[in-house]
N, C-alpha and C. Protein backbone atom coordinates (compact mmCIF):
# COMPACT_ATOMS: atom_id res chain seq x y z
N UNK A 1 4.92 1.84 -20.21
CA UNK A 1 4.61 3.03 -20.81
C UNK A 1 2.97 3.60 -19.88
N UNK A 2 3.07 4.91 -18.98
CA UNK A 2 1.72 5.02 -18.46
C UNK A 2 0.70 5.95 -19.43
N UNK A 3 -0.01 5.51 -19.18
CA UNK A 3 -1.35 6.28 -19.54
C UNK A 3 -1.67 7.75 -19.87
N UNK A 4 -0.49 8.01 -18.59
CA UNK A 4 -0.23 9.39 -18.44
C UNK A 4 0.68 10.40 -18.76
N UNK A 5 1.51 9.75 -19.70
CA UNK A 5 2.80 10.15 -20.29
C UNK A 5 2.58 11.35 -20.82
N UNK A 6 1.62 11.54 -21.32
CA UNK A 6 1.57 12.66 -22.31
C UNK A 6 0.86 13.94 -21.28
N UNK A 7 0.38 13.83 -20.23
CA UNK A 7 -0.31 14.38 -19.27
C UNK A 7 0.45 15.65 -18.97
N UNK A 8 0.09 16.75 -19.14
CA UNK A 8 0.51 18.16 -18.79
C UNK A 8 0.94 18.02 -17.03
N UNK A 9 1.92 18.29 -16.51
CA UNK A 9 1.95 18.11 -15.26
C UNK A 9 2.11 17.12 -14.38
N UNK A 10 2.40 15.96 -14.90
CA UNK A 10 2.64 14.34 -14.84
C UNK A 10 4.20 14.56 -14.71
N UNK A 11 4.36 14.18 -13.67
CA UNK A 11 5.97 13.68 -13.19
C UNK A 11 6.61 12.42 -12.78
N UNK A 12 7.39 11.65 -13.49
CA UNK A 12 7.87 10.18 -13.00
C UNK A 12 9.15 10.74 -11.79
N UNK A 13 8.76 9.90 -10.68
CA UNK A 13 9.27 9.96 -9.20
C UNK A 13 10.32 8.80 -9.25
N UNK A 14 9.59 8.00 -10.13
CA UNK A 14 10.38 6.45 -9.80
C UNK A 14 10.19 5.64 -11.09
N UNK A 15 11.46 5.37 -11.87
CA UNK A 15 11.25 4.55 -12.84
C UNK A 15 11.65 2.71 -12.57
N UNK A 16 11.65 2.16 -13.57
CA UNK A 16 11.47 0.79 -12.78
C UNK A 16 12.85 0.27 -12.16
N UNK A 17 13.89 1.13 -12.72
CA UNK A 17 15.10 0.53 -11.82
C UNK A 17 14.86 0.90 -10.20
N UNK A 18 14.23 2.26 -10.15
CA UNK A 18 14.28 3.06 -8.43
C UNK A 18 13.45 2.22 -7.88
N UNK A 19 12.34 2.12 -8.44
CA UNK A 19 11.18 1.22 -8.11
C UNK A 19 11.92 -0.28 -7.17
N UNK A 20 12.41 -0.84 -7.95
CA UNK A 20 13.09 -2.12 -7.41
C UNK A 20 13.79 -1.81 -6.52
N UNK A 21 14.82 -0.63 -6.39
CA UNK A 21 15.46 -0.20 -5.34
C UNK A 21 14.86 -0.27 -3.90
N UNK A 22 13.28 0.77 -4.56
CA UNK A 22 12.77 1.53 -3.00
C UNK A 22 11.79 0.02 -2.59
N UNK A 23 11.67 -1.01 -3.15
CA UNK A 23 10.82 -2.22 -2.75
C UNK A 23 12.02 -2.81 -2.05
N UNK A 24 13.39 -3.19 -2.49
CA UNK A 24 14.82 -3.67 -1.64
C UNK A 24 14.74 -2.79 -0.65
N UNK A 25 14.64 -1.77 -0.68
CA UNK A 25 14.97 -1.06 0.97
C UNK A 25 13.93 -1.05 2.12
N UNK A 26 12.58 -1.24 1.27
CA UNK A 26 11.69 -1.90 2.17
C UNK A 26 11.61 -2.61 2.92
N UNK A 27 12.08 -4.07 2.02
CA UNK A 27 12.27 -4.93 2.82
C UNK A 27 13.34 -5.04 3.43
N UNK A 28 14.19 -4.34 3.50
CA UNK A 28 15.56 -4.84 4.62
C UNK A 28 14.77 -4.09 5.74
N UNK A 29 14.08 -2.76 5.57
CA UNK A 29 13.45 -2.51 6.80
C UNK A 29 12.26 -3.55 7.52
N UNK A 30 11.68 -4.19 6.54
CA UNK A 30 10.56 -5.00 7.09
C UNK A 30 11.92 -6.44 7.92
N UNK A 31 12.79 -7.01 6.94
CA UNK A 31 13.53 -7.66 8.03
C UNK A 31 13.75 -7.50 9.17
N UNK A 32 14.30 -6.38 9.20
CA UNK A 32 15.04 -5.66 10.79
C UNK A 32 13.62 -5.58 11.65
N UNK A 33 12.42 -4.98 11.23
CA UNK A 33 11.26 -4.84 12.00
C UNK A 33 10.91 -6.75 12.85
N UNK A 34 11.11 -7.84 11.96
CA UNK A 34 10.53 -8.74 12.08
C UNK A 34 11.56 -9.80 12.38
N UNK A 35 12.59 -9.09 12.45
CA UNK A 35 13.71 -10.17 13.16
C UNK A 35 13.78 -11.12 14.53
N UNK A 36 12.72 -10.63 15.18
CA UNK A 36 12.67 -11.23 16.39
C UNK A 36 11.55 -11.88 16.35
N UNK A 37 10.75 -12.01 15.55
CA UNK A 37 9.00 -12.56 15.58
C UNK A 37 8.68 -13.88 15.27
N UNK A 38 8.20 -14.60 16.18
CA UNK A 38 7.93 -15.74 16.38
C UNK A 38 7.53 -16.62 14.76
N UNK A 39 6.71 -16.02 14.61
CA UNK A 39 5.66 -16.17 13.27
C UNK A 39 5.16 -14.91 13.05
N UNK A 40 4.96 -14.70 11.39
CA UNK A 40 4.82 -13.31 11.16
C UNK A 40 4.06 -13.62 9.61
N UNK A 41 3.41 -12.62 9.06
CA UNK A 41 2.70 -12.95 7.92
C UNK A 41 2.86 -11.25 7.16
N UNK A 42 3.23 -11.55 5.78
CA UNK A 42 2.78 -10.15 5.01
C UNK A 42 1.47 -9.96 4.30
N UNK A 43 0.83 -8.97 4.76
CA UNK A 43 -0.61 -8.72 4.18
C UNK A 43 -0.71 -7.74 3.21
N UNK A 44 -1.21 -7.76 2.13
CA UNK A 44 -0.82 -6.31 1.20
C UNK A 44 -2.29 -6.28 1.00
N UNK A 45 -2.53 -5.13 0.93
CA UNK A 45 -4.02 -4.40 1.00
C UNK A 45 -4.02 -4.17 -0.88
N UNK A 46 -5.17 -4.85 -1.55
CA UNK A 46 -5.37 -4.62 -2.90
C UNK A 46 -5.81 -3.29 -3.38
N UNK A 47 -5.05 -2.54 -4.57
CA UNK A 47 -4.77 -3.75 -5.39
C UNK A 47 -3.13 -3.42 -5.86
N UNK A 48 -2.55 -2.83 -5.44
CA UNK A 48 -1.06 -2.72 -5.22
C UNK A 48 -0.28 -3.29 -4.34
N UNK A 49 -0.80 -3.00 -3.35
CA UNK A 49 0.12 -3.60 -2.21
C UNK A 49 0.15 -4.74 -1.88
N UNK A 50 -0.83 -5.79 -2.59
CA UNK A 50 -0.84 -7.11 -2.77
C UNK A 50 0.65 -7.90 -3.33
N UNK A 51 0.51 -6.91 -4.75
CA UNK A 51 1.83 -7.30 -5.40
C UNK A 51 3.19 -6.70 -4.81
N UNK A 52 3.25 -5.59 -4.39
CA UNK A 52 4.28 -5.14 -3.68
C UNK A 52 4.60 -6.58 -2.17
N UNK A 53 3.89 -7.10 -1.52
CA UNK A 53 3.83 -7.84 -0.62
C UNK A 53 4.68 -9.33 -1.04
N UNK A 54 3.76 -9.70 -2.61
CA UNK A 54 4.14 -10.87 -2.97
C UNK A 54 5.51 -10.66 -3.21
N UNK A 55 6.30 -9.74 -3.75
CA UNK A 55 7.51 -9.07 -4.19
C UNK A 55 8.50 -9.16 -3.02
N UNK A 56 8.04 -8.90 -1.91
CA UNK A 56 8.66 -8.40 -0.80
C UNK A 56 9.20 -10.21 0.15
N UNK A 57 7.72 -10.61 -0.51
CA UNK A 57 7.77 -12.19 0.47
C UNK A 57 9.13 -12.89 -0.60
N UNK A 58 8.90 -12.89 -1.63
CA UNK A 58 9.92 -13.55 -2.53
C UNK A 58 11.58 -13.34 -1.77
N UNK A 59 11.46 -12.21 -1.36
CA UNK A 59 13.08 -12.44 -0.55
C UNK A 59 13.10 -12.71 1.17
N UNK A 60 12.11 -12.20 1.31
CA UNK A 60 11.76 -12.47 3.57
C UNK A 60 11.33 -13.55 3.68
N UNK A 61 10.57 -14.27 2.87
CA UNK A 61 10.02 -15.90 3.14
C UNK A 61 9.46 -15.64 4.45
N UNK A 62 8.30 -14.83 4.32
CA UNK A 62 7.46 -14.81 5.45
C UNK A 62 6.85 -15.88 6.36
N UNK A 63 6.24 -16.20 7.03
CA UNK A 63 5.58 -17.60 7.36
C UNK A 63 4.27 -18.05 6.50
N UNK A 64 3.85 -16.44 6.28
CA UNK A 64 2.28 -16.54 5.69
C UNK A 64 2.31 -15.46 4.59
N UNK A 65 1.70 -15.12 3.67
CA UNK A 65 1.03 -14.30 3.00
C UNK A 65 -0.01 -14.42 2.68
N UNK A 66 -0.41 -12.98 2.90
CA UNK A 66 -2.38 -12.87 2.21
C UNK A 66 -2.55 -11.40 1.71
N UNK A 67 -3.98 -11.51 1.30
CA UNK A 67 -4.20 -10.27 0.61
C UNK A 67 -5.53 -9.96 1.21
N UNK A 68 -5.77 -8.41 1.46
CA UNK A 68 -7.01 -7.88 2.38
C UNK A 68 -7.56 -6.89 0.97
N UNK A 69 -8.84 -7.37 0.53
CA UNK A 69 -9.43 -6.30 -0.05
C UNK A 69 -10.46 -5.37 0.67
N UNK A 70 -10.54 -4.25 1.05
CA UNK A 70 -10.60 -3.03 1.96
C UNK A 70 -12.60 -2.54 1.12
N UNK A 71 -12.39 -2.94 0.01
CA UNK A 71 -13.39 -2.24 -0.54
C UNK A 71 -14.80 -1.82 0.32
N UNK A 72 -15.31 -2.92 0.88
CA UNK A 72 -16.49 -3.23 1.80
C UNK A 72 -16.26 -2.08 3.12
N UNK A 73 -15.41 -1.88 3.66
CA UNK A 73 -14.89 -1.29 4.99
C UNK A 73 -14.15 0.16 4.39
N UNK A 74 -14.55 0.37 3.47
CA UNK A 74 -13.83 1.76 3.30
C UNK A 74 -15.24 2.87 3.57
N UNK A 75 -14.78 3.97 4.25
CA UNK A 75 -15.65 5.43 4.56
C UNK A 75 -16.20 6.26 3.59
N UNK A 76 -15.72 5.53 2.51
CA UNK A 76 -16.47 6.34 1.38
C UNK A 76 -16.82 5.86 0.02
N UNK A 77 -17.12 4.25 0.47
CA UNK A 77 -17.90 3.22 -0.43
C UNK A 77 -18.81 4.53 -1.38
N UNK A 78 -19.71 4.69 -0.95
CA UNK A 78 -20.71 5.60 -1.77
C UNK A 78 -20.11 6.44 -2.94
N UNK A 79 -18.97 7.30 -2.71
CA UNK A 79 -18.59 8.18 -3.70
C UNK A 79 -17.37 7.70 -4.49
N UNK A 80 -17.17 5.92 -4.09
CA UNK A 80 -15.73 5.47 -5.10
C UNK A 80 -16.56 4.76 -6.43
N UNK A 81 -17.96 4.13 -6.39
CA UNK A 81 -18.68 3.60 -7.40
C UNK A 81 -19.98 3.32 -6.78
N UNK A 82 -21.10 2.87 -7.81
CA UNK A 82 -22.70 2.77 -7.82
C UNK A 82 -22.23 1.45 -7.19
N UNK A 83 -21.52 0.74 -8.14
CA UNK A 83 -21.48 -0.74 -7.99
C UNK A 83 -20.01 -1.55 -7.63
N UNK A 84 -19.41 -1.11 -6.53
CA UNK A 84 -17.77 -1.79 -6.44
C UNK A 84 -17.63 -3.07 -6.56
N UNK A 85 -16.54 -3.02 -7.18
CA UNK A 85 -16.04 -4.44 -7.33
C UNK A 85 -15.47 -4.88 -6.06
N UNK A 86 -15.90 -5.95 -5.65
CA UNK A 86 -15.55 -6.68 -4.57
C UNK A 86 -14.44 -8.12 -5.16
N UNK A 87 -13.26 -7.84 -4.31
CA UNK A 87 -12.69 -9.05 -4.90
C UNK A 87 -12.33 -9.72 -3.65
N UNK A 88 -11.62 -10.95 -3.90
CA UNK A 88 -12.01 -11.78 -2.65
C UNK A 88 -10.33 -11.15 -1.41
N UNK A 89 -10.41 -11.42 -0.15
CA UNK A 89 -9.75 -11.08 0.68
C UNK A 89 -9.25 -13.05 1.15
N UNK A 90 -8.11 -12.82 0.87
CA UNK A 90 -7.34 -14.29 0.88
C UNK A 90 -6.01 -14.07 2.47
N UNK A 91 -7.00 -14.73 3.11
CA UNK A 91 -5.98 -14.91 4.13
C UNK A 91 -6.30 -16.37 4.74
N UNK A 92 -5.55 -17.15 4.24
CA UNK A 92 -5.97 -18.37 4.53
C UNK A 92 -5.32 -19.12 5.79
N UNK A 93 -4.81 -18.62 6.89
CA UNK A 93 -4.21 -18.81 8.04
C UNK A 93 -4.85 -18.05 9.16
N UNK A 94 -4.39 -18.15 10.37
CA UNK A 94 -4.72 -17.94 11.29
C UNK A 94 -4.21 -16.82 11.69
N UNK A 95 -5.09 -15.46 12.32
CA UNK A 95 -4.42 -14.13 12.22
C UNK A 95 -3.85 -14.16 13.63
N UNK A 96 -4.62 -14.85 14.89
CA UNK A 96 -4.79 -14.68 16.21
C UNK A 96 -2.82 -14.85 16.31
N UNK A 97 -2.51 -13.97 17.43
CA UNK A 97 -1.01 -14.29 18.10
C UNK A 97 -0.16 -14.00 17.06
N UNK A 98 -0.20 -13.73 15.55
CA UNK A 98 1.14 -13.35 14.63
C UNK A 98 1.12 -11.98 14.56
N UNK A 99 2.33 -11.66 14.23
CA UNK A 99 3.07 -10.60 13.79
C UNK A 99 2.62 -10.54 11.86
N UNK A 100 2.05 -9.05 12.21
CA UNK A 100 1.79 -9.22 10.70
C UNK A 100 1.98 -7.62 10.34
N UNK A 101 3.01 -7.99 8.73
CA UNK A 101 3.09 -6.52 8.24
C UNK A 101 2.15 -6.44 7.27
N UNK A 102 1.44 -5.17 7.41
CA UNK A 102 0.70 -4.63 6.26
C UNK A 102 1.00 -3.63 5.59
N UNK A 103 0.75 -4.23 4.24
CA UNK A 103 1.71 -3.70 2.88
C UNK A 103 0.82 -2.79 2.21
N UNK A 104 0.93 -1.54 2.22
CA UNK A 104 0.06 -0.71 0.93
C UNK A 104 1.05 0.38 -0.23
N UNK A 105 0.65 0.45 -1.43
CA UNK A 105 1.25 1.22 -2.25
C UNK A 105 1.78 2.81 -1.61
N UNK A 106 0.79 3.51 -1.41
CA UNK A 106 0.73 5.26 -0.83
C UNK A 106 -0.15 5.47 0.05
N UNK A 107 0.59 5.83 1.03
CA UNK A 107 -0.16 6.04 2.18
C UNK A 107 -0.18 7.75 1.99
N UNK A 108 -1.42 8.02 2.65
CA UNK A 108 -1.94 9.49 2.21
C UNK A 108 -2.84 9.74 3.53
N UNK A 109 -4.54 9.67 3.57
CA UNK A 109 -5.29 10.43 4.38
C UNK A 109 -5.34 9.23 5.76
N UNK A 110 -4.85 7.93 5.61
CA UNK A 110 -4.67 6.94 6.53
C UNK A 110 -5.98 6.17 6.51
N UNK A 111 -6.98 6.26 5.83
CA UNK A 111 -7.97 5.84 5.53
C UNK A 111 -8.24 4.76 5.12
N UNK A 112 -7.70 4.43 4.21
CA UNK A 112 -7.50 2.83 3.74
C UNK A 112 -6.92 1.83 4.90
N UNK A 113 -5.99 2.42 5.02
CA UNK A 113 -4.88 1.65 6.29
C UNK A 113 -6.11 1.65 7.75
N UNK A 114 -6.71 2.40 8.03
CA UNK A 114 -7.69 2.27 9.19
C UNK A 114 -8.35 1.29 8.30
N UNK A 115 -9.22 1.13 7.07
CA UNK A 115 -10.09 0.20 6.51
C UNK A 115 -9.51 -1.55 6.69
N UNK A 116 -8.13 -1.30 6.56
CA UNK A 116 -7.33 -2.55 6.21
C UNK A 116 -7.32 -3.08 7.78
N UNK A 117 -7.49 -2.11 8.92
CA UNK A 117 -7.06 -2.65 10.25
C UNK A 117 -8.47 -3.03 10.84
N UNK A 118 -9.54 -2.49 10.31
CA UNK A 118 -10.50 -2.85 11.05
C UNK A 118 -11.25 -4.55 9.96
N UNK A 119 -10.97 -5.15 8.73
CA UNK A 119 -11.21 -5.98 8.24
C UNK A 119 -10.01 -7.30 9.04
N UNK A 120 -8.67 -6.76 9.03
CA UNK A 120 -8.01 -7.55 9.87
C UNK A 120 -8.40 -7.70 11.29
N UNK A 121 -8.98 -7.14 11.83
CA UNK A 121 -9.38 -7.36 13.18
C UNK A 121 -10.36 -8.20 13.48
N UNK A 122 -11.41 -7.83 12.08
CA UNK A 122 -12.46 -8.82 12.13
C UNK A 122 -12.12 -10.28 11.63
N UNK A 123 -10.78 -10.33 11.11
CA UNK A 123 -10.36 -11.95 11.08
C UNK A 123 -9.54 -12.47 12.25
N UNK A 124 -9.32 -11.85 13.15
CA UNK A 124 -8.59 -12.26 14.18
C UNK A 124 -7.70 -11.32 15.13
N UNK A 125 -7.00 -11.79 16.06
CA UNK A 125 -6.11 -10.84 16.43
C UNK A 125 -4.94 -10.83 16.82
N UNK A 126 -3.74 -10.11 16.16
CA UNK A 126 -2.88 -10.35 15.54
C UNK A 126 -1.66 -9.84 16.92
N UNK A 127 -0.96 -10.20 17.09
CA UNK A 127 0.00 -9.70 18.16
C UNK A 127 0.44 -8.35 17.93
N UNK A 128 1.07 -8.31 16.86
CA UNK A 128 1.37 -6.91 16.63
C UNK A 128 1.16 -6.52 15.18
N UNK A 129 0.59 -5.27 14.89
CA UNK A 129 0.80 -5.11 13.16
C UNK A 129 2.02 -3.80 12.95
N UNK A 130 2.62 -3.72 11.98
CA UNK A 130 3.28 -2.93 11.35
C UNK A 130 2.88 -2.52 9.77
N UNK A 131 2.94 -1.56 9.82
CA UNK A 131 2.29 -1.04 8.40
C UNK A 131 3.56 -0.25 7.80
N UNK A 132 4.02 -1.14 6.35
CA UNK A 132 5.09 -1.01 5.28
C UNK A 132 4.55 -0.54 4.05
N UNK A 133 4.73 0.90 3.64
CA UNK A 133 4.30 1.68 2.53
C UNK A 133 5.70 1.61 1.51
N UNK A 134 5.18 1.65 0.59
CA UNK A 134 6.09 1.81 -0.74
C UNK A 134 6.14 3.43 -0.98
N UNK A 135 5.40 4.30 -0.21
CA UNK A 135 5.20 5.59 -0.70
C UNK A 135 4.34 6.53 0.44
N UNK A 136 5.08 7.37 1.22
CA UNK A 136 3.96 8.22 2.18
C UNK A 136 4.03 9.70 1.40
N UNK A 137 3.23 10.07 0.70
CA UNK A 137 3.18 11.06 -0.09
C UNK A 137 2.48 12.18 1.58
N UNK A 138 2.27 11.78 2.81
CA UNK A 138 1.73 13.18 3.28
C UNK A 138 0.22 13.21 3.36
N UNK A 139 -0.48 14.16 3.94
CA UNK A 139 -1.66 14.43 3.77
C UNK A 139 -2.74 13.87 4.64
N UNK A 140 -2.01 13.30 5.94
CA UNK A 140 -2.80 12.42 6.91
C UNK A 140 -4.17 12.84 7.32
N UNK A 141 -5.25 12.71 7.59
CA UNK A 141 -6.28 12.80 8.04
C UNK A 141 -7.03 11.72 9.33
N UNK A 142 -6.02 11.07 9.73
CA UNK A 142 -6.03 10.40 10.60
C UNK A 142 -4.67 10.05 11.44
N UNK A 143 -4.77 9.56 12.44
CA UNK A 143 -3.28 9.21 13.29
C UNK A 143 -2.87 8.13 12.98
N UNK A 144 -2.18 7.92 11.70
CA UNK A 144 -1.95 6.82 11.27
C UNK A 144 -0.60 7.17 10.49
N UNK A 145 0.43 6.22 11.12
CA UNK A 145 2.23 6.79 10.65
C UNK A 145 2.81 5.30 10.09
N UNK A 146 3.33 4.93 9.00
CA UNK A 146 3.96 3.97 8.45
C UNK A 146 5.05 3.31 9.46
N UNK A 147 5.68 2.24 9.76
CA UNK A 147 6.90 1.65 10.47
C UNK A 147 7.72 1.81 9.51
N UNK A 148 7.50 1.69 8.39
CA UNK A 148 8.51 1.26 7.06
C UNK A 148 8.01 1.90 5.92
N UNK A 149 9.11 2.95 5.38
CA UNK A 149 8.84 3.64 4.34
C UNK A 149 10.03 3.51 3.08
N UNK A 150 9.42 3.14 1.66
CA UNK A 150 10.52 3.16 0.50
C UNK A 150 11.04 4.42 0.16
N UNK A 151 9.85 5.48 0.12
CA UNK A 151 10.10 6.72 -0.59
C UNK A 151 9.16 7.68 0.09
N UNK A 152 9.51 8.78 0.71
CA UNK A 152 8.89 9.86 1.94
C UNK A 152 8.81 11.01 1.29
N UNK A 153 7.36 11.18 1.21
CA UNK A 153 7.49 12.58 0.04
C UNK A 153 7.00 13.18 1.26
N UNK A 154 6.36 12.85 2.20
CA UNK A 154 5.91 14.02 3.32
C UNK A 154 6.68 15.05 3.86
N UNK A 155 6.08 16.31 4.22
CA UNK A 155 6.70 17.44 4.78
C UNK A 155 6.30 18.19 3.76
N UNK A 156 7.69 19.39 3.89
CA UNK A 156 7.20 20.71 2.94
C UNK A 156 7.25 20.37 1.47
N UNK A 157 7.45 20.14 0.79
CA UNK A 157 7.52 19.93 -0.04
C UNK A 157 6.69 18.53 -0.81
N UNK A 158 5.69 17.81 -0.24
CA UNK A 158 4.92 17.08 -0.30
C UNK A 158 3.64 17.28 -1.60
N UNK A 159 3.24 16.19 -2.33
CA UNK A 159 1.97 16.64 -3.67
C UNK A 159 0.88 17.40 -2.74
N UNK A 160 0.56 18.46 -3.46
CA UNK A 160 -1.05 18.96 -3.09
C UNK A 160 -1.94 18.07 -2.90
N UNK A 161 -3.07 18.39 -2.43
CA UNK A 161 -4.49 17.72 -2.76
C UNK A 161 -5.02 17.65 -3.76
N UNK A 162 -4.58 18.59 -4.69
CA UNK A 162 -5.10 18.41 -6.42
C UNK A 162 -3.93 17.73 -7.15
N UNK A 163 -3.06 16.91 -6.24
CA UNK A 163 -1.98 16.08 -7.07
C UNK A 163 -2.23 14.79 -6.31
N UNK A 164 -2.00 13.88 -7.34
CA UNK A 164 -2.09 12.09 -7.27
C UNK A 164 -0.89 11.63 -7.11
N UNK A 165 -0.41 10.67 -6.33
CA UNK A 165 0.51 10.38 -5.98
C UNK A 165 0.37 8.74 -6.66
N UNK A 166 0.61 7.88 -8.07
CA UNK A 166 0.69 6.58 -8.40
C UNK A 166 1.85 6.03 -7.82
N UNK A 167 1.50 4.46 -7.86
CA UNK A 167 2.17 3.66 -7.76
C UNK A 167 1.67 2.55 -9.32
N UNK A 168 2.46 2.41 -9.98
CA UNK A 168 2.39 1.40 -11.27
C UNK A 168 3.35 0.03 -10.98
N UNK A 169 2.79 -0.71 -10.88
CA UNK A 169 3.73 -1.98 -10.96
C UNK A 169 3.12 -3.37 -11.65
N UNK A 170 3.90 -3.98 -12.06
CA UNK A 170 3.60 -5.04 -13.02
C UNK A 170 3.49 -6.36 -11.98
N UNK A 171 2.08 -6.76 -12.44
CA UNK A 171 1.79 -7.36 -13.75
C UNK A 171 0.30 -6.53 -13.52
N UNK A 172 -0.22 -5.78 -12.27
CA UNK A 172 -1.35 -4.81 -12.53
C UNK A 172 -1.14 -4.01 -13.68
N UNK A 173 0.09 -3.32 -13.75
CA UNK A 173 0.35 -2.45 -15.00
C UNK A 173 1.70 -2.53 -16.01
N UNK A 174 1.16 -1.84 -16.79
CA UNK A 174 1.89 -2.17 -18.33
C UNK A 174 3.83 -2.09 -17.57
N UNK A 175 3.75 -1.34 -16.58
CA UNK A 175 5.39 -0.79 -16.06
C UNK A 175 5.79 -0.61 -14.56
N UNK A 176 6.61 -0.86 -14.08
CA UNK A 176 6.86 -0.17 -12.69
C UNK A 176 7.32 1.49 -12.55
N UNK A 177 6.38 2.04 -11.93
CA UNK A 177 6.91 3.56 -12.00
C UNK A 177 6.12 4.04 -10.78
N UNK A 178 6.33 5.09 -10.14
CA UNK A 178 6.03 6.11 -9.30
C UNK A 178 5.94 7.37 -10.05
N UNK A 179 4.36 7.89 -10.24
CA UNK A 179 4.29 9.14 -10.89
C UNK A 179 3.43 10.13 -9.95
N UNK A 180 3.81 11.39 -9.95
CA UNK A 180 2.59 12.36 -9.52
C UNK A 180 1.94 12.82 -10.54
N UNK A 181 0.63 13.18 -10.82
CA UNK A 181 -0.13 14.09 -11.72
C UNK A 181 -1.03 14.72 -11.58
N UNK A 182 -2.05 15.44 -12.11
CA UNK A 182 -3.22 16.46 -11.24
C UNK A 182 -4.06 15.20 -11.32
N UNK A 183 -4.74 15.35 -10.31
CA UNK A 183 -5.83 15.00 -9.90
C UNK A 183 -6.78 15.16 -10.94
N UNK A 184 -7.90 14.45 -11.51
CA UNK A 184 -8.68 14.13 -12.58
C UNK A 184 -10.31 13.86 -11.59
N UNK A 185 -11.34 14.52 -12.39
CA UNK A 185 -12.69 14.57 -11.88
C UNK A 185 -12.74 13.06 -11.59
N UNK A 186 -12.51 12.35 -12.55
CA UNK A 186 -13.03 10.99 -12.26
C UNK A 186 -12.11 9.99 -11.26
N UNK A 187 -11.37 10.75 -10.72
CA UNK A 187 -10.34 9.77 -9.52
C UNK A 187 -11.36 9.62 -8.56
N UNK A 188 -10.62 8.42 -7.68
CA UNK A 188 -11.19 8.27 -6.87
C UNK A 188 -11.01 8.65 -5.28
N UNK A 189 -11.81 9.03 -4.54
CA UNK A 189 -11.34 9.94 -3.74
C UNK A 189 -10.18 9.59 -2.88
N UNK A 190 -8.98 10.31 -2.50
CA UNK A 190 -8.24 9.99 -1.77
C UNK A 190 -8.76 9.32 -0.68
């Protein structure tokens, strides 16, 4: 159950069954993209992109799986928290010459993906990088576009800047769902 279940203006876009279907659909798109790859990795962006990447890995069987913590690469670090929590980046394989599928939960401004690309490039020089996102909500501030998308909300009906799109996935959250809710003052900037 979402902690926002009783919040005015909160809307469930996808329940547990639909989230599973969207992840499966995303996996099919990724499989098509990496079909000719000689060696490839799924790399998830904390804290939900890594969970989605692990779920995709169960079916896709990549050569490598890893996790990026972009906290120190964010361009809004001072706005996130006085003492941000930095968790480990877990890339225990060489990035050089590897095809990499970068996985995130929600793509909005593109700033998190830019931070992830900066961190990835600090670790090595991949042959190619694809971006797979469970939800593209629109609202780009940087010229970044996903290669694979589960749920596309971009366009004329995309949520406005006063709304937040959240992906909840177990075990990070109590249940799997995608919601739109009003942005709260305490929310981390997009």
